[in-house]
Each structure stands twice: as C-alpha cells, then as structure tokens.
Amino acid sequence: MKKEISLGLKALCLMAISMVVWGCKSGQKQAEEAEKESLGVAVGPKFNPDSAYAFIAAQCKFGARVMNSDAHEHCGAWIMRKFTEYGCKVETQKADLKGYDGTTLKATNIIAKFKPKASRRILLCAHWDSRPWADNDPDSINHQKPVMAANDGASGVAVMLEIARLLQSDSSLNVGVDFVCFDAEDWGVPQWDHGHESTDGSWVLGSTYFANHLPEGFNPEFGILLDMVGGEGAQFYKEGISLRYASDVLERVWQASKVVGYGSYFLDKEGGWVTDDHYPLNEIAKIPTIDIIPYYPDYPRSSFGPTWHTIHDTLDHIDKNTLMAVGQTVIQVLYSH
C-alpha cells in the first residue's frame, strides 16, 4: 500500500510540474508574441541571400579590386551596369587621391539613385575596393599579398545590389534610396610598414572626398554603412561613432532586426569605435550615419574577425545567413520609414 501511495504522489507531482512548465512556456510565448506585436510587423520584399552571394562571387571573379588595377576598373564598370539594370540613375565622382605612401589613387565613388526625384531619401553605402595587403594574416609570408575581399568590401556592395534588384519591381516604397559605393577605403598604412605613421587619415579616402564634395542636392535623412556584412559567425554590436552621431538611427535598425526575426545578430551591446566611411559622413557632411560592422570581442588577432585583412577573406567564409539577417533588416528599415 505504501508503494502505491508513493507512486500516486509521484504522479501527482509530475503532473503539477508539467502544468507549471506548460504555464511558463505558455507565458513566455505570450510575452514573445506581445513584444513582437509592440515592435511592429515585417514589411517589404523578402531578401534573397543566394542572389546576394552571387553578387559577391561576381565581384571576386574580377580578382582583388585593388586601386589602380584592371580588376578594380572592370569591377567598377560592372557595378555601375548592375545598378543601371535595376532602374537606378547612376553617376560617378572621380578623383585623384593621395595614398599614405604618395601613390596617386585613381578613385571612383559610384552613386546610384533609386527614385531620384523623391524628396525624402535614405543613404545606403559600402566600400568597393580591396585591401592591397593581407597585413593581418597569421602567416607573415602573406602580408604583402592582396586581399580578395569577399567580405571586406564585396558583401556590402552585394547587399545593396540585391536591395536595388528587389526595389525595381516594387512600387510601394515611400522614399528614395541613394546607394553609394565608396572607393579608396582600404589603402591605410599596413602593419608591416614601419616607415610611416599609422593614422586615421590614411584610411577612408573616397568617403572623405565625397563628404567634402557632396553632389548637388544630396541630402538624405540618414545613412547606413554596410561593412563586412557576410562573414561566418558575425554579430553586430552598437559601434561607438554610430552611437555618438546617430543613436536614433542605430536604435531604429536594431529594432528592425528584431521585427524580422534576426535580433540574435544585432546585439544590445556596445562595441568599439571604428575608423570607417561613416565617420566623414557624420563629421564633415553632417549626415547621421551608422556602421553595421561585425565585432568579435574574443578573437585575439582582431575584433573584426578571423578573415579580416588576410588571404582567407574569400567566398569560402561567406555565410548566407549573415547576408540574410542584414539584408532583411535594412529592407525593414526602408519600408517602415
């Protein structure tokens, strides 16, 4: 009899525990649904990561797009053709810029306008040149080899091209979009060159020129810079310059990521301060612009991750899930503005 009573009590306890667990799960689900409802609903077309990946592959097929090279010239022409094909009005801003070592860099900033007559506009931007030297590679024998830049350059351009492709067949967007591909971003002093002082001024040359020579009438409400937005294991922290100059834009983007189900990629944590193309846009052009850029706090060689400025920045290390998370988040921002 004691045994039967014991079993009966155990059954009652298990039933009670099950009801508590079910109640907790039910409550958690209700809380998640309530949070999602308070954030808003997903809007806009579905981003296609396979298409974005193909755009990265197409850029890499030209080779490393190092300044003054044939690969750079041919890829630039291809980017312009693609934006034109997708219904954008394409302009270029050409300039001879001086590299840290005195090299004259034949730079071309590419400007593609979707709905060019729309008065309300949003800026999306990325750099399209490749780093000439893999100076952060673990093997010093590779330090003067060029970087293929599948992630550090091509991924941001690819996300913009895919968004442009989607916009051409959708008339519901209420704002115009200015896509800008900045040149000469990655000619900063290499780590192995001890004869030149490493300064912020040796980087972001194309965007600095752009900020000092804005096209007539160029006045977007805010900007989003896409830098290294296709890497494996990427997560995006709230970058310091973005917080300083455009915290409201940053919060809008981070909230959009939650609405479309990619909040796990956009962490509610602060990352480092990055010298990137958004700095001159904020400081010189006064366009509030954030940087969507990965942060790897536990990686010893660089907080930018294992392929940054190495010969391993190739298609093999591009993650379509990362492209999807970023692309769909940006679409949400555009269509909910």
Protein backbone atom coordinates (compact mmCIF):
# COMPACT_ATOMS: atom_id res chain seq x y z
CA MET A 1 0.00 0.00 0.00
CA LYS A 2 2.83 2.41 0.81
CA LYS A 3 4.27 1.75 -2.61
CA GLU A 4 1.03 2.56 -4.37
CA ILE A 5 0.67 5.76 -2.34
CA SER A 6 4.25 6.71 -3.22
CA LEU A 7 3.62 6.16 -6.93
CA GLY A 8 0.42 8.13 -6.73
CA LEU A 9 2.16 11.05 -5.08
CA LYS A 10 4.94 10.92 -7.70
CA ALA A 11 2.34 11.02 -10.47
CA LEU A 12 0.64 13.99 -8.86
CA CYS A 13 3.99 15.77 -8.51
CA LEU A 14 4.92 15.12 -12.14
CA MET A 15 1.52 16.39 -13.22
CA ALA A 16 1.96 19.54 -11.17
CA ILE A 17 5.46 20.12 -12.55
CA SER A 18 4.20 19.59 -16.09
CA MET A 19 1.46 22.14 -15.54
CA VAL A 20 3.98 24.66 -14.17
CA VAL A 21 6.37 24.10 -17.10
CA TRP A 22 3.49 24.38 -19.58
CA GLY A 23 2.36 27.54 -17.87
CA CYS A 24 5.88 29.04 -18.03
CA LYS A 25 6.28 28.15 -21.69
CA SER A 26 2.83 29.50 -22.46
CA GLY A 27 3.61 32.70 -20.60
CA GLN A 28 6.97 33.03 -22.35
CA LYS A 29 5.35 32.53 -25.74
CA GLN A 30 2.70 35.12 -24.93
CA ALA A 31 5.41 37.55 -23.82
CA GLU A 32 7.40 36.98 -27.03
CA GLU A 33 4.29 37.49 -29.15
CA ALA A 34 3.40 40.64 -27.21
CA GLU A 35 6.94 42.00 -27.70
CA LYS A 36 6.84 41.23 -31.41
CA GLU A 37 3.44 42.91 -31.72
CA SER A 38 4.72 46.00 -29.92
CA LEU A 39 7.71 46.20 -32.27
CA GLY A 40 5.61 46.12 -35.43
CA VAL A 41 5.17 43.85 -38.41
CA ALA A 42 7.60 42.83 -41.11
CA VAL A 43 7.21 44.80 -44.32
CA GLY A 44 8.84 44.91 -47.73
CA PRO A 45 10.06 42.21 -50.12
CA LYS A 46 11.98 39.15 -48.99
CA PHE A 47 15.72 39.44 -49.28
CA ASN A 48 17.38 36.71 -51.35
CA PRO A 49 20.74 35.66 -49.83
CA ASP A 50 21.52 33.38 -52.77
CA SER A 51 21.33 36.35 -55.10
CA ALA A 52 23.50 38.46 -52.79
CA TYR A 53 26.04 35.64 -52.61
CA ALA A 54 26.12 35.54 -56.43
CA PHE A 55 26.87 39.28 -56.46
CA ILE A 56 29.83 38.68 -54.13
CA ALA A 57 31.07 35.89 -56.37
CA ALA A 58 30.78 38.12 -59.44
CA GLN A 59 32.97 40.79 -57.83
CA CYS A 60 35.55 38.24 -56.71
CA LYS A 61 35.68 36.81 -60.23
CA PHE A 62 37.44 40.02 -61.31
CA GLY A 63 40.16 39.30 -58.75
CA ALA A 64 41.22 41.58 -55.92
CA ARG A 65 39.85 45.05 -56.70
CA VAL A 66 42.99 46.87 -55.64
CA MET A 67 43.24 50.55 -56.52
CA ASN A 68 44.69 51.32 -59.99
CA SER A 69 44.36 47.71 -61.16
CA ASP A 70 42.47 46.30 -64.15
CA ALA A 71 40.32 44.23 -61.79
CA HIS A 72 39.32 47.41 -59.98
CA GLU A 73 38.42 49.19 -63.21
CA HIS A 74 36.42 46.30 -64.67
CA CYS A 75 34.54 45.62 -61.44
CA GLY A 76 33.60 49.28 -61.10
CA ALA A 77 32.10 49.24 -64.59
CA TRP A 78 30.19 46.06 -63.70
CA ILE A 79 28.75 47.61 -60.52
CA MET A 80 27.53 50.62 -62.49
CA ARG A 81 25.91 48.38 -65.12
CA LYS A 82 24.07 46.38 -62.46
CA PHE A 83 22.64 49.44 -60.72
CA THR A 84 21.58 50.83 -64.10
CA GLU A 85 19.97 47.49 -64.98
CA TYR A 86 17.93 47.74 -61.77
CA GLY A 87 16.48 51.11 -62.67
CA CYS A 88 18.83 53.43 -60.81
CA LYS A 89 20.24 56.68 -62.13
CA VAL A 90 23.99 56.17 -61.89
CA GLU A 91 26.61 58.89 -61.51
CA THR A 92 30.31 58.78 -60.71
CA GLN A 93 32.56 61.01 -58.72
CA LYS A 94 36.16 60.66 -59.86
CA ALA A 95 39.19 61.99 -58.03
CA ASP A 96 42.95 61.54 -57.87
CA LEU A 97 43.64 60.88 -54.19
CA LYS A 98 46.99 60.57 -52.45
CA GLY A 99 47.71 57.36 -50.59
CA TYR A 100 49.75 57.39 -47.38
CA ASP A 101 52.83 56.43 -49.41
CA GLY A 102 52.36 59.11 -52.06
CA THR A 103 50.69 56.80 -54.58
CA THR A 104 48.13 58.58 -56.76
CA LEU A 105 44.93 56.58 -56.43
CA LYS A 106 42.51 56.80 -59.34
CA ALA A 107 39.33 56.73 -57.28
CA THR A 108 35.72 56.44 -58.38
CA ASN A 109 32.81 56.85 -55.99
CA ILE A 110 29.71 55.27 -57.56
CA ILE A 111 26.34 56.90 -56.82
CA ALA A 112 23.14 55.09 -57.81
CA LYS A 113 19.82 56.79 -57.15
CA PHE A 114 16.57 54.87 -56.86
CA LYS A 115 13.57 57.19 -57.30
CA PRO A 116 15.89 60.14 -57.97
CA LYS A 117 13.03 62.66 -57.84
CA ALA A 118 11.83 61.63 -54.38
CA SER A 119 12.46 64.38 -51.83
CA ARG A 120 12.74 62.08 -48.80
CA ARG A 121 15.82 59.88 -49.15
CA ILE A 122 17.86 57.29 -47.26
CA LEU A 123 21.54 56.57 -47.87
CA LEU A 124 22.92 53.03 -48.10
CA CYS A 125 26.66 52.76 -48.61
CA ALA A 126 29.67 50.43 -48.65
CA HIS A 127 33.22 50.47 -49.94
CA TRP A 128 34.07 48.50 -53.07
CA ASP A 129 37.88 48.48 -53.20
CA SER A 130 40.07 45.65 -51.86
CA ARG A 131 42.88 45.86 -49.35
CA PRO A 132 46.19 45.67 -51.26
CA TRP A 133 47.99 43.84 -48.44
CA ALA A 134 46.94 40.93 -46.23
CA ASP A 135 48.89 42.50 -43.37
CA ASN A 136 46.84 40.82 -40.63
CA ASP A 137 47.33 37.31 -41.97
CA PRO A 138 48.63 34.82 -39.38
CA ASP A 139 51.42 33.86 -41.81
CA SER A 140 53.82 36.74 -42.46
CA ILE A 141 54.65 35.30 -45.89
CA ASN A 142 51.22 36.55 -46.99
CA HIS A 143 51.48 40.10 -45.65
CA GLN A 144 52.14 41.76 -49.00
CA LYS A 145 49.61 39.71 -50.97
CA PRO A 146 46.31 41.37 -51.96
CA VAL A 147 43.06 40.53 -50.20
CA MET A 148 40.21 39.04 -52.24
CA ALA A 149 37.81 40.99 -50.02
CA ALA A 150 34.74 38.80 -50.38
CA ASN A 151 33.51 40.08 -47.03
CA ASP A 152 35.51 43.28 -46.53
CA GLY A 153 34.05 45.20 -49.42
CA ALA A 154 32.13 42.89 -51.73
CA SER A 155 29.50 41.81 -49.19
CA GLY A 156 28.26 45.36 -48.57
CA VAL A 157 28.03 46.11 -52.28
CA ALA A 158 26.24 42.79 -52.83
CA VAL A 159 23.58 43.54 -50.21
CA MET A 160 22.96 46.92 -51.85
CA LEU A 161 22.71 45.38 -55.32
CA GLU A 162 20.22 42.80 -54.10
CA ILE A 163 18.10 45.50 -52.48
CA ALA A 164 18.22 47.53 -55.70
CA ARG A 165 17.16 44.44 -57.65
CA LEU A 166 14.16 43.98 -55.38
CA LEU A 167 13.17 47.65 -55.44
CA GLN A 168 12.87 47.82 -59.22
CA SER A 169 9.78 45.58 -59.18
CA ASP A 170 8.14 47.10 -56.09
CA SER A 171 6.37 50.46 -56.29
CA SER A 172 5.29 50.62 -52.64
CA LEU A 173 8.44 52.19 -51.19
CA ASN A 174 7.72 55.72 -49.97
CA VAL A 175 11.28 57.06 -50.01
CA GLY A 176 14.12 57.34 -52.47
CA VAL A 177 17.35 55.46 -51.88
CA ASP A 178 20.87 56.69 -52.58
CA PHE A 179 23.27 53.77 -52.98
CA VAL A 180 26.89 54.91 -52.74
CA CYS A 181 29.93 52.68 -53.30
CA PHE A 182 32.97 54.39 -51.81
CA ASP A 183 36.42 53.86 -53.26
CA ALA A 184 39.90 54.03 -51.69
CA GLU A 185 38.72 52.97 -48.23
CA ASP A 186 41.35 50.32 -47.59
CA TRP A 187 44.70 51.92 -48.52
CA GLY A 188 45.60 52.62 -44.88
CA VAL A 189 49.15 52.13 -43.59
CA PRO A 190 49.94 48.39 -43.46
CA GLN A 191 51.15 46.87 -40.21
CA TRP A 192 54.48 45.87 -41.77
CA ASP A 193 55.35 49.41 -42.91
CA HIS A 194 57.22 50.93 -40.01
CA GLY A 195 58.42 53.90 -42.05
CA HIS A 196 55.03 55.62 -41.99
CA GLU A 197 52.94 56.59 -39.01
CA SER A 198 49.61 54.74 -38.90
CA THR A 199 46.95 57.44 -38.74
CA ASP A 200 43.22 57.50 -39.30
CA GLY A 201 43.84 59.92 -42.17
CA SER A 202 45.36 57.19 -44.33
CA TRP A 203 42.01 55.37 -44.50
CA VAL A 204 38.51 56.16 -45.88
CA LEU A 205 39.87 58.44 -48.60
CA GLY A 206 36.96 58.06 -51.01
CA SER A 207 34.24 58.79 -48.47
CA THR A 208 36.22 61.74 -47.10
CA TYR A 209 36.40 63.21 -50.59
CA PHE A 210 32.68 62.54 -51.04
CA ALA A 211 31.80 64.25 -47.75
CA ASN A 212 33.81 67.31 -48.80
CA HIS A 213 32.29 67.36 -52.30
CA LEU A 214 28.66 66.32 -51.91
CA PRO A 215 26.72 66.11 -55.19
CA GLU A 216 24.29 68.95 -55.69
CA GLY A 217 21.08 68.39 -53.75
CA PHE A 218 22.43 65.35 -51.89
CA ASN A 219 20.57 65.41 -48.57
CA PRO A 220 19.45 62.02 -47.23
CA GLU A 221 17.70 61.90 -43.87
CA PHE A 222 20.18 59.36 -42.56
CA GLY A 223 22.64 56.73 -43.74
CA ILE A 224 23.52 53.08 -43.12
CA LEU A 225 27.04 51.85 -43.89
CA LEU A 226 27.40 48.14 -44.64
CA ASP A 227 30.88 46.83 -43.94
CA MET A 228 31.78 43.13 -43.70
CA VAL A 229 28.15 42.01 -43.57
CA GLY A 230 28.57 38.44 -44.82
CA GLY A 231 31.06 36.76 -42.53
CA GLU A 232 30.77 33.48 -40.68
CA GLY A 233 29.82 33.87 -37.04
CA ALA A 234 29.26 37.60 -37.42
CA GLN A 235 27.36 39.54 -34.80
CA PHE A 236 26.85 43.27 -34.84
CA TYR A 237 27.41 45.39 -31.76
CA LYS A 238 26.50 49.05 -31.39
CA GLU A 239 29.57 50.80 -32.77
CA GLY A 240 30.86 53.87 -30.91
CA ILE A 241 30.82 56.55 -33.63
CA SER A 242 27.34 55.40 -34.64
CA LEU A 243 26.14 55.86 -31.07
CA ARG A 244 27.73 59.28 -30.82
CA TYR A 245 26.36 60.76 -34.03
CA ALA A 246 23.27 58.73 -34.94
CA SER A 247 21.98 56.82 -31.90
CA ASP A 248 18.36 57.18 -33.01
CA VAL A 249 19.17 55.63 -36.39
CA LEU A 250 21.04 52.82 -34.70
CA GLU A 251 18.11 52.05 -32.41
CA ARG A 252 15.76 52.05 -35.41
CA VAL A 253 17.93 49.50 -37.21
CA TRP A 254 18.35 47.28 -34.14
CA GLN A 255 14.60 47.30 -33.56
CA ALA A 256 14.00 46.41 -37.21
CA SER A 257 16.26 43.38 -36.79
CA LYS A 258 14.01 42.11 -34.01
CA VAL A 259 10.86 42.63 -36.06
CA VAL A 260 12.16 40.45 -38.89
CA GLY A 261 13.50 37.78 -36.55
CA TYR A 262 17.24 38.50 -36.68
CA GLY A 263 17.76 40.17 -33.33
CA SER A 264 20.31 37.49 -32.38
CA TYR A 265 22.66 39.03 -34.96
CA PHE A 266 22.22 42.60 -33.68
CA LEU A 267 23.22 42.56 -30.02
CA ASP A 268 22.18 45.16 -27.48
CA LYS A 269 25.81 45.66 -26.52
CA GLU A 270 28.33 48.36 -27.28
CA GLY A 271 31.33 47.54 -29.47
CA GLY A 272 34.44 49.51 -30.30
CA TRP A 273 34.96 52.77 -32.20
CA VAL A 274 35.82 52.17 -35.85
CA THR A 275 37.51 54.41 -38.38
CA ASP A 276 35.20 53.75 -41.30
CA ASP A 277 33.36 55.51 -44.10
CA HIS A 278 30.60 56.69 -41.76
CA TYR A 279 32.99 58.98 -39.89
CA PRO A 280 33.42 61.66 -42.60
CA LEU A 281 29.72 61.41 -43.42
CA ASN A 282 28.89 62.30 -39.82
CA GLU A 283 31.72 64.69 -39.04
CA ILE A 284 32.04 66.56 -42.36
CA ALA A 285 28.80 66.08 -44.30
CA LYS A 286 26.62 66.09 -41.16
CA ILE A 287 24.61 63.09 -42.39
CA PRO A 288 23.71 60.93 -39.37
CA THR A 289 25.09 57.55 -40.41
CA ILE A 290 25.62 54.27 -38.58
CA ASP A 291 28.01 51.43 -39.30
CA ILE A 292 26.74 47.86 -39.43
CA ILE A 293 30.06 46.12 -38.85
CA PRO A 294 30.85 42.87 -37.02
CA TYR A 295 32.55 42.72 -33.66
CA TYR A 296 34.42 39.64 -32.42
CA PRO A 297 35.38 40.54 -28.82
CA ASP A 298 37.11 37.23 -28.12
CA TYR A 299 39.17 36.87 -31.29
CA PRO A 300 42.83 37.55 -30.42
CA ARG A 301 44.19 38.89 -33.73
CA SER A 302 41.42 41.38 -34.49
CA SER A 303 37.95 42.28 -33.25
CA PHE A 304 36.94 42.29 -36.94
CA GLY A 305 37.17 38.52 -37.07
CA PRO A 306 39.43 35.77 -38.42
CA THR A 307 39.44 36.72 -42.13
CA TRP A 308 39.93 40.47 -41.80
CA HIS A 309 42.87 41.64 -43.94
CA THR A 310 44.00 38.08 -44.59
CA ILE A 311 44.19 35.94 -47.71
CA HIS A 312 41.27 33.96 -46.26
CA ASP A 313 38.71 36.69 -46.94
CA THR A 314 37.19 34.56 -49.70
CA LEU A 315 33.83 33.12 -50.73
CA ASP A 316 34.54 30.05 -48.60
CA HIS A 317 33.94 32.15 -45.49
CA ILE A 318 30.77 33.94 -46.57
CA ASP A 319 27.62 32.94 -44.67
CA LYS A 320 24.30 33.39 -46.44
CA ASN A 321 22.54 33.54 -43.08
CA THR A 322 24.50 36.66 -42.17
CA LEU A 323 23.66 38.23 -45.54
CA MET A 324 20.00 37.42 -44.95
CA ALA A 325 19.97 38.92 -41.46
CA VAL A 326 21.49 42.19 -42.61
CA GLY A 327 19.61 42.45 -45.90
CA GLN A 328 16.18 41.80 -44.42
CA THR A 329 16.85 44.21 -41.56
CA VAL A 330 17.78 47.01 -43.96
CA ILE A 331 14.68 46.32 -46.05
CA GLN A 332 12.58 46.59 -42.91
CA VAL A 333 14.13 49.99 -42.14
CA LEU A 334 13.44 51.26 -45.66
CA TYR A 335 9.82 50.13 -45.80
CA SER A 336 8.86 51.12 -42.26
CA HIS A 337 10.28 54.65 -42.52
